[in-house]
Amino acid sequence: MRIVGMDIHRVAAEVALLTDGELRRLGRVPMRRADLEAFASKELTHDDHVIVEATGNAAAVVEVLSPYVDRVVIANPKQVLLIAHAKIKTDGIDAAVLAKLYANGFLPQVWVPDQKTLSLRRQVARLTQLVRQRVRLKNLIQSILHTHLAPPCPHGNLVGRSGRAWIAKQPVPADERDAIDRHLAQIDLIEASLKTVEADIAGEAMADPIIRRLMTLPGVDMTVAVGVAAAIGDIRRFSDPRKLVGYLGLNPSVRQSGEGPAYHGRITKQGRGQARGMLVEAAWAAARSPGPLRAFFQRIAAKRGKHIAAVATARKLAMIIWHMLTKETDYIWARPALLARKFRNMELRAGAPRDHAQRGSAFDYNIPDKRAAERAWVEKAEADYTRFTSRWRTRQREKSAVPT
């Protein structure tokens, strides 16, 4: 077996070959599909293992080289310390170090997702970028209004119909008015693109049982479910829920040396930051929805504050997700009418027709009696959780009161 290390960049990749303990430089390969295919067909064999570092174009390199070799491995750049902290650092040395680490079994690898997961990740990234652009333009409009002493907007949506009518009445100079109009026009274009991307995502999500299962959780809508599912990929690669928590960066950092005590600090924030942020947003929403998760949030918030409680609830959500996906079961405290409404909204985003004459299961959420009955059911579960956890504090007080 030959081991090929590739230090890839945007323009070219430096390649080193390790065979029978000897290193040989194979030169630089342009980072274009045709050049990579020509290099692979000429220099590589079906028994080779190729090692590349995780970069923006690493997935495309894997796709091109995989038919020509036995295996393509992506190395985790944050953990390849021999490269990151080397005193003498060149592309050739980096490629050789990748090959040597893999040969000795010390290379930290990155999981390579399948094409469906990669597509979902790209769609979620596009959606996030469009939302950030819209927020940036809204902030620019707010900044202009603030500069000219405009009062806070009384409407919930600044760029909605009522918000735009309110903006039109604010006294601002002509050049500032033109700038606001340009920003609003850009927002219209972004929102049109958002609808297209959301429709594509909804079409994929409707047929995905994993995404539908994740949506049974409180606070988890279609966007969060797709983002988390794309980040996790195959749940079987996490043998324990704590590994999933660590992958999402929601585990606390630990410092311990010698025989001293271990100190736990803030969360590590390693791994998939986008999914971590979505879970924290879902935690805030779950804290406003009745159920055991709200009781958990309130219990942590009473001791540590709301922000720490939100992160702890996100961690709890990650652990529940591991059990749900591993055991192939839905969230036990899901509210059927609310869940049907989530699914109906997903269908509408995908382009399903609005048939007002026909009432489906999603209409139950508009019936006060049914909505109240479901709410009472989960509120009872919340009360049971609160009563159960209150015994923990009682036992701790009793234990501390025993004389030694």
Protein backbone atom coordinates (compact mmCIF):
# COMPACT_ATOMS: atom_id res chain seq x y z
CA MET A 1 0.00 0.00 0.00
CA ARG A 2 1.25 3.45 -0.93
CA ILE A 3 0.31 6.58 1.02
CA VAL A 4 -0.05 9.89 -0.81
CA GLY A 5 -0.10 13.16 1.16
CA MET A 6 -1.58 16.23 -0.54
CA ASP A 7 -1.26 19.75 0.84
CA ILE A 8 -4.04 21.39 -1.18
CA HIS A 9 -4.60 25.09 -1.76
CA ARG A 10 -6.86 27.10 -3.98
CA VAL A 11 -4.54 27.08 -7.02
CA ALA A 12 -2.37 23.97 -6.67
CA ALA A 13 -1.58 21.02 -4.40
CA GLU A 14 1.82 19.74 -3.31
CA VAL A 15 1.99 15.93 -3.42
CA ALA A 16 4.31 13.56 -1.51
CA LEU A 17 4.42 9.78 -1.85
CA LEU A 18 5.35 7.47 1.05
CA THR A 19 6.18 3.90 0.00
CA ASP A 20 8.30 1.31 1.84
CA GLY A 21 9.38 3.96 4.33
CA GLU A 22 10.76 6.29 1.65
CA LEU A 23 9.35 9.69 0.76
CA ARG A 24 9.27 10.93 -2.81
CA ARG A 25 8.02 14.29 -4.06
CA LEU A 26 5.51 14.05 -6.90
CA GLY A 27 5.42 17.79 -7.56
CA ARG A 28 2.56 20.28 -7.77
CA VAL A 29 -0.83 19.55 -9.30
CA PRO A 30 -3.16 22.38 -10.48
CA MET A 31 -6.44 22.41 -8.59
CA ARG A 32 -8.65 21.90 -11.61
CA ARG A 33 -10.82 18.87 -12.23
CA ALA A 34 -9.19 17.90 -15.52
CA ASP A 35 -5.65 18.23 -14.09
CA LEU A 36 -6.54 16.20 -11.00
CA GLU A 37 -8.05 13.43 -13.13
CA ALA A 38 -4.96 13.39 -15.38
CA PHE A 39 -2.67 13.20 -12.33
CA ALA A 40 -4.73 10.42 -10.73
CA SER A 41 -4.85 8.28 -13.86
CA LYS A 42 -1.10 8.64 -14.43
CA GLU A 43 0.44 8.58 -10.91
CA LEU A 44 -2.04 6.82 -8.62
CA THR A 45 -3.15 3.20 -8.32
CA HIS A 46 -6.23 1.49 -6.92
CA ASP A 47 -4.27 0.41 -3.81
CA ASP A 48 -3.25 3.95 -2.79
CA HIS A 49 -4.52 5.85 0.24
CA VAL A 50 -4.66 9.62 -0.33
CA ILE A 51 -4.55 12.06 2.60
CA VAL A 52 -5.76 15.66 2.22
CA GLU A 53 -6.33 18.41 4.76
CA ALA A 54 -9.85 19.77 5.33
CA THR A 55 -10.33 22.88 3.19
CA GLY A 56 -13.16 24.46 1.25
CA ASN A 57 -12.45 22.36 -1.85
CA ALA A 58 -11.52 19.10 -0.05
CA ALA A 59 -14.90 17.48 -0.76
CA ALA A 60 -14.46 18.09 -4.50
CA VAL A 61 -10.94 16.60 -4.37
CA VAL A 62 -12.36 13.49 -2.68
CA GLU A 63 -15.02 13.19 -5.36
CA VAL A 64 -12.45 13.40 -8.19
CA LEU A 65 -9.83 11.07 -6.70
CA SER A 66 -12.06 8.38 -5.16
CA PRO A 67 -12.55 6.35 -8.40
CA TYR A 68 -8.77 6.06 -8.89
CA VAL A 69 -7.62 5.01 -5.37
CA ASP A 70 -8.58 2.68 -2.54
CA ARG A 71 -9.39 5.43 -0.03
CA VAL A 72 -9.30 9.22 0.36
CA VAL A 73 -8.99 10.54 3.93
CA ILE A 74 -9.61 14.11 5.08
CA ALA A 75 -7.43 15.19 8.02
CA ASN A 76 -8.73 17.49 10.75
CA PRO A 77 -6.56 20.64 10.46
CA LYS A 78 -7.23 21.74 14.05
CA GLN A 79 -5.69 18.54 15.40
CA VAL A 80 -2.72 18.14 13.07
CA LEU A 81 -0.41 19.99 15.48
CA LEU A 82 2.81 18.81 13.83
CA ILE A 83 1.90 20.96 10.83
CA ALA A 84 0.33 23.87 12.66
CA HIS A 85 3.29 24.38 15.06
CA ALA A 86 6.19 23.41 12.79
CA LYS A 87 9.21 25.73 12.84
CA ILE A 88 10.06 24.90 9.22
CA LYS A 89 6.86 24.83 7.18
CA THR A 90 6.55 24.33 3.43
CA ASP A 91 3.91 22.69 1.27
CA GLY A 92 6.20 19.71 0.64
CA ILE A 93 6.85 19.21 4.35
CA ASP A 94 3.12 19.47 5.11
CA ALA A 95 2.30 16.81 2.51
CA ALA A 96 5.02 14.51 3.90
CA VAL A 97 3.80 14.97 7.49
CA LEU A 98 0.24 14.03 6.46
CA ALA A 99 1.51 10.83 4.86
CA LYS A 100 3.70 9.92 7.86
CA LEU A 101 0.95 10.56 10.41
CA TYR A 102 -1.44 8.34 8.48
CA ALA A 103 1.15 5.60 8.09
CA ASN A 104 1.70 5.53 11.86
CA GLY A 105 -1.99 5.68 12.75
CA PHE A 106 -1.84 9.14 14.36
CA LEU A 107 -3.87 11.11 11.82
CA PRO A 108 -7.09 12.69 13.14
CA GLN A 109 -9.64 12.15 10.39
CA VAL A 110 -12.78 13.99 9.32
CA TRP A 111 -15.92 12.09 8.37
CA VAL A 112 -16.71 12.38 4.66
CA PRO A 113 -20.49 12.84 4.21
CA ASP A 114 -22.47 11.35 1.35
CA GLN A 115 -23.76 13.46 -1.53
CA LYS A 116 -27.24 13.92 0.00
CA THR A 117 -25.77 15.22 3.27
CA LEU A 118 -23.37 17.50 1.37
CA SER A 119 -26.27 18.91 -0.63
CA LEU A 120 -28.26 19.60 2.55
CA ARG A 121 -25.24 21.32 4.11
CA ARG A 122 -24.81 23.54 1.07
CA GLN A 123 -28.50 24.46 1.09
CA VAL A 124 -28.44 25.31 4.81
CA ALA A 125 -25.29 27.42 4.26
CA ARG A 126 -27.01 29.31 1.43
CA LEU A 127 -30.06 29.92 3.61
CA THR A 128 -27.90 31.21 6.47
CA GLN A 129 -25.96 33.53 4.16
CA LEU A 130 -29.15 35.03 2.73
CA VAL A 131 -30.58 35.59 6.22
CA ARG A 132 -27.36 37.32 7.32
CA GLN A 133 -27.46 39.59 4.28
CA ARG A 134 -31.04 40.53 5.06
CA VAL A 135 -30.16 41.27 8.68
CA ARG A 136 -27.22 43.43 7.56
CA LEU A 137 -29.46 45.51 5.29
CA LYS A 138 -32.07 45.89 8.04
CA ASN A 139 -29.34 47.14 10.37
CA LEU A 140 -28.23 49.68 7.75
CA ILE A 141 -31.79 51.01 7.53
CA GLN A 142 -32.02 51.15 11.33
CA SER A 143 -28.71 53.03 11.42
CA ILE A 144 -29.97 55.66 8.96
CA LEU A 145 -33.18 56.16 10.93
CA HIS A 146 -31.26 56.35 14.22
CA THR A 147 -28.89 58.96 12.76
CA HIS A 148 -31.82 61.25 11.98
CA LEU A 149 -33.54 60.77 15.37
CA ALA A 150 -36.39 58.57 14.15
CA PRO A 151 -38.29 56.82 16.97
CA PRO A 152 -38.27 53.02 17.31
CA CYS A 153 -40.45 51.27 14.76
CA PRO A 154 -43.81 50.38 16.38
CA HIS A 155 -44.29 47.39 14.07
CA GLY A 156 -42.83 43.94 14.51
CA ASN A 157 -41.35 43.71 11.02
CA LEU A 158 -39.44 46.80 9.91
CA VAL A 159 -39.51 45.81 6.24
CA GLY A 160 -43.06 44.48 6.18
CA ARG A 161 -45.98 46.37 4.67
CA SER A 162 -46.76 48.34 7.84
CA GLY A 163 -43.06 48.89 8.59
CA ARG A 164 -42.38 50.30 5.12
CA ALA A 165 -45.35 52.63 5.37
CA TRP A 166 -43.96 53.87 8.69
CA ILE A 167 -40.48 54.34 7.18
CA ALA A 168 -41.94 56.42 4.34
CA LYS A 169 -43.32 58.91 6.89
CA GLN A 170 -39.98 59.51 8.64
CA PRO A 171 -38.26 62.83 7.78
CA VAL A 172 -34.83 61.99 6.34
CA PRO A 173 -32.67 63.79 3.71
CA ALA A 174 -33.19 62.90 0.05
CA ASP A 175 -29.90 61.00 -0.30
CA GLU A 176 -30.70 58.94 2.79
CA ARG A 177 -34.17 58.24 1.39
CA ASP A 178 -32.56 56.93 -1.80
CA ALA A 179 -30.23 54.72 0.26
CA ILE A 180 -33.18 53.27 2.19
CA ASP A 181 -35.01 52.55 -1.07
CA ARG A 182 -31.96 50.74 -2.44
CA HIS A 183 -31.66 48.66 0.73
CA LEU A 184 -35.36 47.75 0.58
CA ALA A 185 -35.01 46.72 -3.08
CA GLN A 186 -32.07 44.47 -2.16
CA ILE A 187 -34.11 42.97 0.67
CA ASP A 188 -36.88 42.15 -1.83
CA LEU A 189 -34.38 40.30 -4.02
CA ILE A 190 -32.97 38.41 -1.02
CA GLU A 191 -36.44 37.39 0.17
CA ALA A 192 -37.27 36.07 -3.30
CA SER A 193 -34.09 33.98 -3.20
CA LEU A 194 -34.97 32.83 0.32
CA LYS A 195 -38.32 31.51 -0.87
CA THR A 196 -36.61 29.56 -3.65
CA VAL A 197 -34.01 28.03 -1.31
CA GLU A 198 -36.65 27.25 1.34
CA ALA A 199 -38.78 25.53 -1.29
CA ASP A 200 -35.86 23.34 -2.33
CA ILE A 201 -35.08 22.48 1.30
CA ALA A 202 -38.75 21.76 2.08
CA GLY A 203 -38.99 19.44 -0.91
CA GLU A 204 -36.07 17.41 0.43
CA ALA A 205 -37.31 17.53 4.02
CA MET A 206 -40.82 16.26 3.26
CA ALA A 207 -39.46 12.89 2.13
CA ASP A 208 -36.82 12.57 4.86
CA PRO A 209 -38.04 10.61 7.92
CA ILE A 210 -35.10 11.85 10.04
CA ILE A 211 -36.02 15.50 9.51
CA ARG A 212 -39.69 14.81 10.24
CA ARG A 213 -38.65 12.98 13.43
CA LEU A 214 -36.52 15.91 14.59
CA MET A 215 -39.44 18.27 14.05
CA THR A 216 -41.37 16.47 16.80
CA LEU A 217 -39.12 18.27 19.30
CA PRO A 218 -40.41 21.57 20.75
CA GLY A 219 -38.71 24.62 19.26
CA VAL A 220 -37.41 22.67 16.25
CA ASP A 221 -38.89 23.83 12.95
CA MET A 222 -37.97 22.72 9.44
CA THR A 223 -34.87 24.94 9.17
CA VAL A 224 -33.40 23.75 12.48
CA ALA A 225 -34.23 20.11 11.75
CA VAL A 226 -32.54 20.26 8.33
CA GLY A 227 -29.49 22.05 9.74
CA VAL A 228 -29.03 19.53 12.55
CA ALA A 229 -29.66 16.52 10.30
CA ALA A 230 -27.12 17.81 7.76
CA ALA A 231 -24.52 18.35 10.50
CA ILE A 232 -25.01 14.90 12.07
CA GLY A 233 -25.23 12.81 8.93
CA ASP A 234 -25.10 9.14 9.94
CA ILE A 235 -26.00 8.92 13.63
CA ARG A 236 -24.28 5.50 13.85
CA ARG A 237 -20.87 7.18 13.83
CA PHE A 238 -21.63 8.45 17.36
CA SER A 239 -21.54 5.51 19.75
CA ASP A 240 -22.56 7.64 22.73
CA PRO A 241 -24.72 10.80 23.14
CA ARG A 242 -21.77 12.58 24.74
CA LYS A 243 -19.82 12.16 21.51
CA LEU A 244 -22.57 13.91 19.60
CA VAL A 245 -22.56 16.69 22.20
CA GLY A 246 -18.79 17.03 21.79
CA TYR A 247 -19.11 17.04 17.99
CA LEU A 248 -21.50 19.99 18.26
CA GLY A 249 -19.20 21.78 20.72
CA LEU A 250 -21.79 21.87 23.52
CA ASN A 251 -19.63 20.05 26.08
CA PRO A 252 -17.85 22.09 28.79
CA SER A 253 -14.09 22.53 28.58
CA VAL A 254 -12.09 20.72 31.30
CA ARG A 255 -8.73 21.68 32.85
CA GLN A 256 -7.03 19.18 35.18
CA SER A 257 -3.39 18.46 36.01
CA GLY A 258 -1.75 16.09 38.47
CA GLU A 259 -3.84 15.23 41.51
CA GLY A 260 -5.64 18.56 41.54
CA PRO A 261 -9.37 18.90 40.93
CA ALA A 262 -10.83 19.24 37.45
CA TYR A 263 -12.08 22.69 36.50
CA HIS A 264 -14.98 22.96 34.08
CA GLY A 265 -15.30 26.11 32.01
CA ARG A 266 -17.30 27.37 29.07
CA ILE A 267 -18.38 25.09 26.23
CA THR A 268 -15.65 24.13 23.77
CA LYS A 269 -17.46 25.52 20.67
CA GLN A 270 -15.70 22.94 18.50
CA GLY A 271 -17.24 21.18 15.53
CA ARG A 272 -20.36 22.27 13.67
CA GLY A 273 -20.98 25.83 14.82
CA GLN A 274 -23.98 26.36 12.56
CA ALA A 275 -25.89 23.42 14.05
CA ARG A 276 -24.84 24.48 17.55
CA GLY A 277 -26.31 27.94 17.01
CA MET A 278 -29.54 26.46 15.66
CA LEU A 279 -29.89 24.21 18.71
CA VAL A 280 -29.41 27.18 21.03
CA GLU A 281 -32.15 29.05 19.15
CA ALA A 282 -34.37 25.98 19.47
CA ALA A 283 -33.61 25.89 23.21
CA TRP A 284 -34.89 29.46 23.63
CA ALA A 285 -38.08 28.49 21.79
CA ALA A 286 -38.46 25.31 23.88
CA ALA A 287 -38.14 27.42 27.04
CA ARG A 288 -41.33 29.23 26.02
CA SER A 289 -43.24 26.04 25.21
CA PRO A 290 -44.83 23.91 27.96
CA GLY A 291 -43.17 20.61 28.68
CA PRO A 292 -40.29 18.97 30.56
CA LEU A 293 -37.71 20.97 28.57
CA ARG A 294 -39.17 24.23 29.86
CA ALA A 295 -38.95 22.89 33.42
CA PHE A 296 -35.33 21.91 32.77
CA PHE A 297 -34.57 25.40 31.44
CA GLN A 298 -36.20 27.09 34.44
CA ARG A 299 -34.34 24.85 36.91
CA ILE A 300 -30.95 25.76 35.40
CA ALA A 301 -31.90 29.43 34.96
CA ALA A 302 -32.75 29.73 38.67
CA LYS A 303 -29.18 28.69 39.56
CA ARG A 304 -27.01 29.89 36.67
CA GLY A 305 -28.99 32.43 34.65
CA LYS A 306 -30.97 32.25 31.43
CA HIS A 307 -28.07 32.28 28.96
CA ILE A 308 -26.33 29.32 30.58
CA ALA A 309 -29.71 27.59 30.83
CA ALA A 310 -30.23 28.03 27.08
CA VAL A 311 -26.89 26.37 26.31
CA ALA A 312 -27.64 23.57 28.79
CA THR A 313 -31.04 23.04 27.14
CA ALA A 314 -29.35 22.88 23.73
CA ARG A 315 -27.05 20.20 25.13
CA LYS A 316 -30.08 18.34 26.47
CA LEU A 317 -31.69 18.58 23.01
CA ALA A 318 -28.56 17.07 21.43
CA MET A 319 -28.67 14.12 23.82
CA ILE A 320 -32.39 13.59 23.18
CA ILE A 321 -31.73 13.73 19.43
CA TRP A 322 -29.13 10.97 19.75
CA HIS A 323 -31.61 8.70 21.54
CA MET A 324 -34.42 9.53 19.09
CA LEU A 325 -32.34 8.79 15.99
CA THR A 326 -30.61 5.74 17.46
CA LYS A 327 -33.84 4.15 18.70
CA GLU A 328 -35.86 5.43 15.70
CA THR A 329 -38.59 6.96 17.85
CA ASP A 330 -40.29 10.36 17.97
CA TYR A 331 -40.26 12.77 20.90
CA ILE A 332 -42.68 11.37 23.45
CA TRP A 333 -44.15 14.74 24.48
CA ALA A 334 -44.88 15.99 20.94
CA ARG A 335 -48.18 17.87 20.56
CA PRO A 336 -50.04 16.33 17.56
CA ALA A 337 -51.87 19.49 16.43
CA LEU A 338 -48.75 21.65 16.66
CA LEU A 339 -46.72 18.99 14.83
CA ALA A 340 -49.34 18.77 12.07
CA ARG A 341 -49.13 22.54 11.72
CA LYS A 342 -45.32 22.33 11.34
CA PHE A 343 -45.68 19.71 8.62
CA ARG A 344 -48.34 21.77 6.83
CA ASN A 345 -46.10 24.86 6.87
CA MET A 346 -43.32 22.72 5.39
CA GLU A 347 -45.65 21.55 2.62
CA LEU A 348 -46.64 25.14 1.83
CA ARG A 349 -42.99 26.16 1.62
CA ALA A 350 -42.42 23.33 -0.83
CA GLY A 351 -45.17 24.77 -3.05
CA ALA A 352 -48.21 22.72 -2.06
CA PRO A 353 -51.54 24.38 -3.02
CA ARG A 354 -53.53 26.23 -0.37
CA ASP A 355 -56.87 24.44 -0.24
CA HIS A 356 -58.95 26.52 2.17
CA ALA A 357 -62.07 24.44 1.60
CA GLN A 358 -60.47 21.24 2.91
CA ARG A 359 -59.45 21.06 6.57
CA GLY A 360 -56.66 18.67 7.44
CA SER A 361 -55.13 17.64 10.75
CA ALA A 362 -53.23 20.95 10.94
CA PHE A 363 -56.54 22.76 11.46
CA ASP A 364 -56.86 21.18 14.91
CA TYR A 365 -54.36 23.74 16.17
CA ASN A 366 -56.97 26.45 15.48
CA ILE A 367 -59.54 24.74 17.69
CA PRO A 368 -59.14 26.18 21.23
CA ASP A 369 -60.41 23.07 23.05
CA LYS A 370 -58.02 20.68 21.27
CA ARG A 371 -55.12 23.07 21.66
CA ALA A 372 -55.86 23.50 25.37
CA ALA A 373 -56.17 19.72 25.90
CA GLU A 374 -52.75 19.10 24.32
CA ARG A 375 -51.25 21.94 26.31
CA ALA A 376 -52.64 20.58 29.58
CA TRP A 377 -51.14 17.17 28.78
CA VAL A 378 -47.60 18.50 28.37
CA GLU A 379 -48.03 20.90 31.31
CA LYS A 380 -48.74 17.87 33.50
CA ALA A 381 -45.49 16.30 32.23
CA GLU A 382 -43.70 19.54 33.07
CA ALA A 383 -45.13 19.53 36.59
CA ASP A 384 -44.12 15.89 37.08
CA TYR A 385 -40.55 16.70 36.00
CA THR A 386 -40.40 19.67 38.37
CA ARG A 387 -41.69 17.56 41.27
CA PHE A 388 -39.23 14.77 40.46
CA THR A 389 -36.16 17.05 40.28
CA SER A 390 -37.17 18.88 43.47
CA ARG A 391 -36.36 15.67 45.35
CA TRP A 392 -32.73 15.98 44.22
CA ARG A 393 -32.33 19.28 46.05
CA THR A 394 -34.10 17.89 49.13
CA ARG A 395 -31.74 14.90 49.28
CA GLN A 396 -28.71 17.16 48.85
CA ARG A 397 -29.84 19.39 51.75
CA GLU A 398 -30.50 16.36 53.94
CA LYS A 399 -27.09 14.91 53.12
CA SER A 400 -25.31 18.19 53.92
CA ALA A 401 -27.20 18.48 57.22
CA VAL A 402 -25.93 15.11 58.52
CA PRO A 403 -23.13 15.77 61.11
CA THR A 404 -19.74 14.27 60.35
